[in-house]
Amino acid sequence: MYYYLDHFTEMLSFVETTYGSVLADEHRTFVARFNGFSQDARCLLIRMINRRGTIFNSGHFRYEEISNLERALADSGAVDRGRG
């Protein structure tokens, strides 16, 4: 795997285990959806979370580890979304 994916999933697991009883439904839903994504989609979403800005031009994404960028965008639901 990739270090950033390992660290992110480890953090999610810690939060779920430690604070699961107080997580809002939207947070539980995010974790469940994230865990269901393909590896490419999980990698892409983490890469996007770590980028600056709120709106991204996917034409500028260059990640060797993501084998199918368009599919990862579609799988993660990241198409046409910005960060507020």
Foldseek 3Di string as FASTA:
>chain_A
DDPLLVVVVVVLVCCCVPPVVPDDPVSVVVVVLLVPFDPLLNVVVSVVVPDDDWDDDLVPDDDPVRPDSVVSCVSNVVPPGTHD
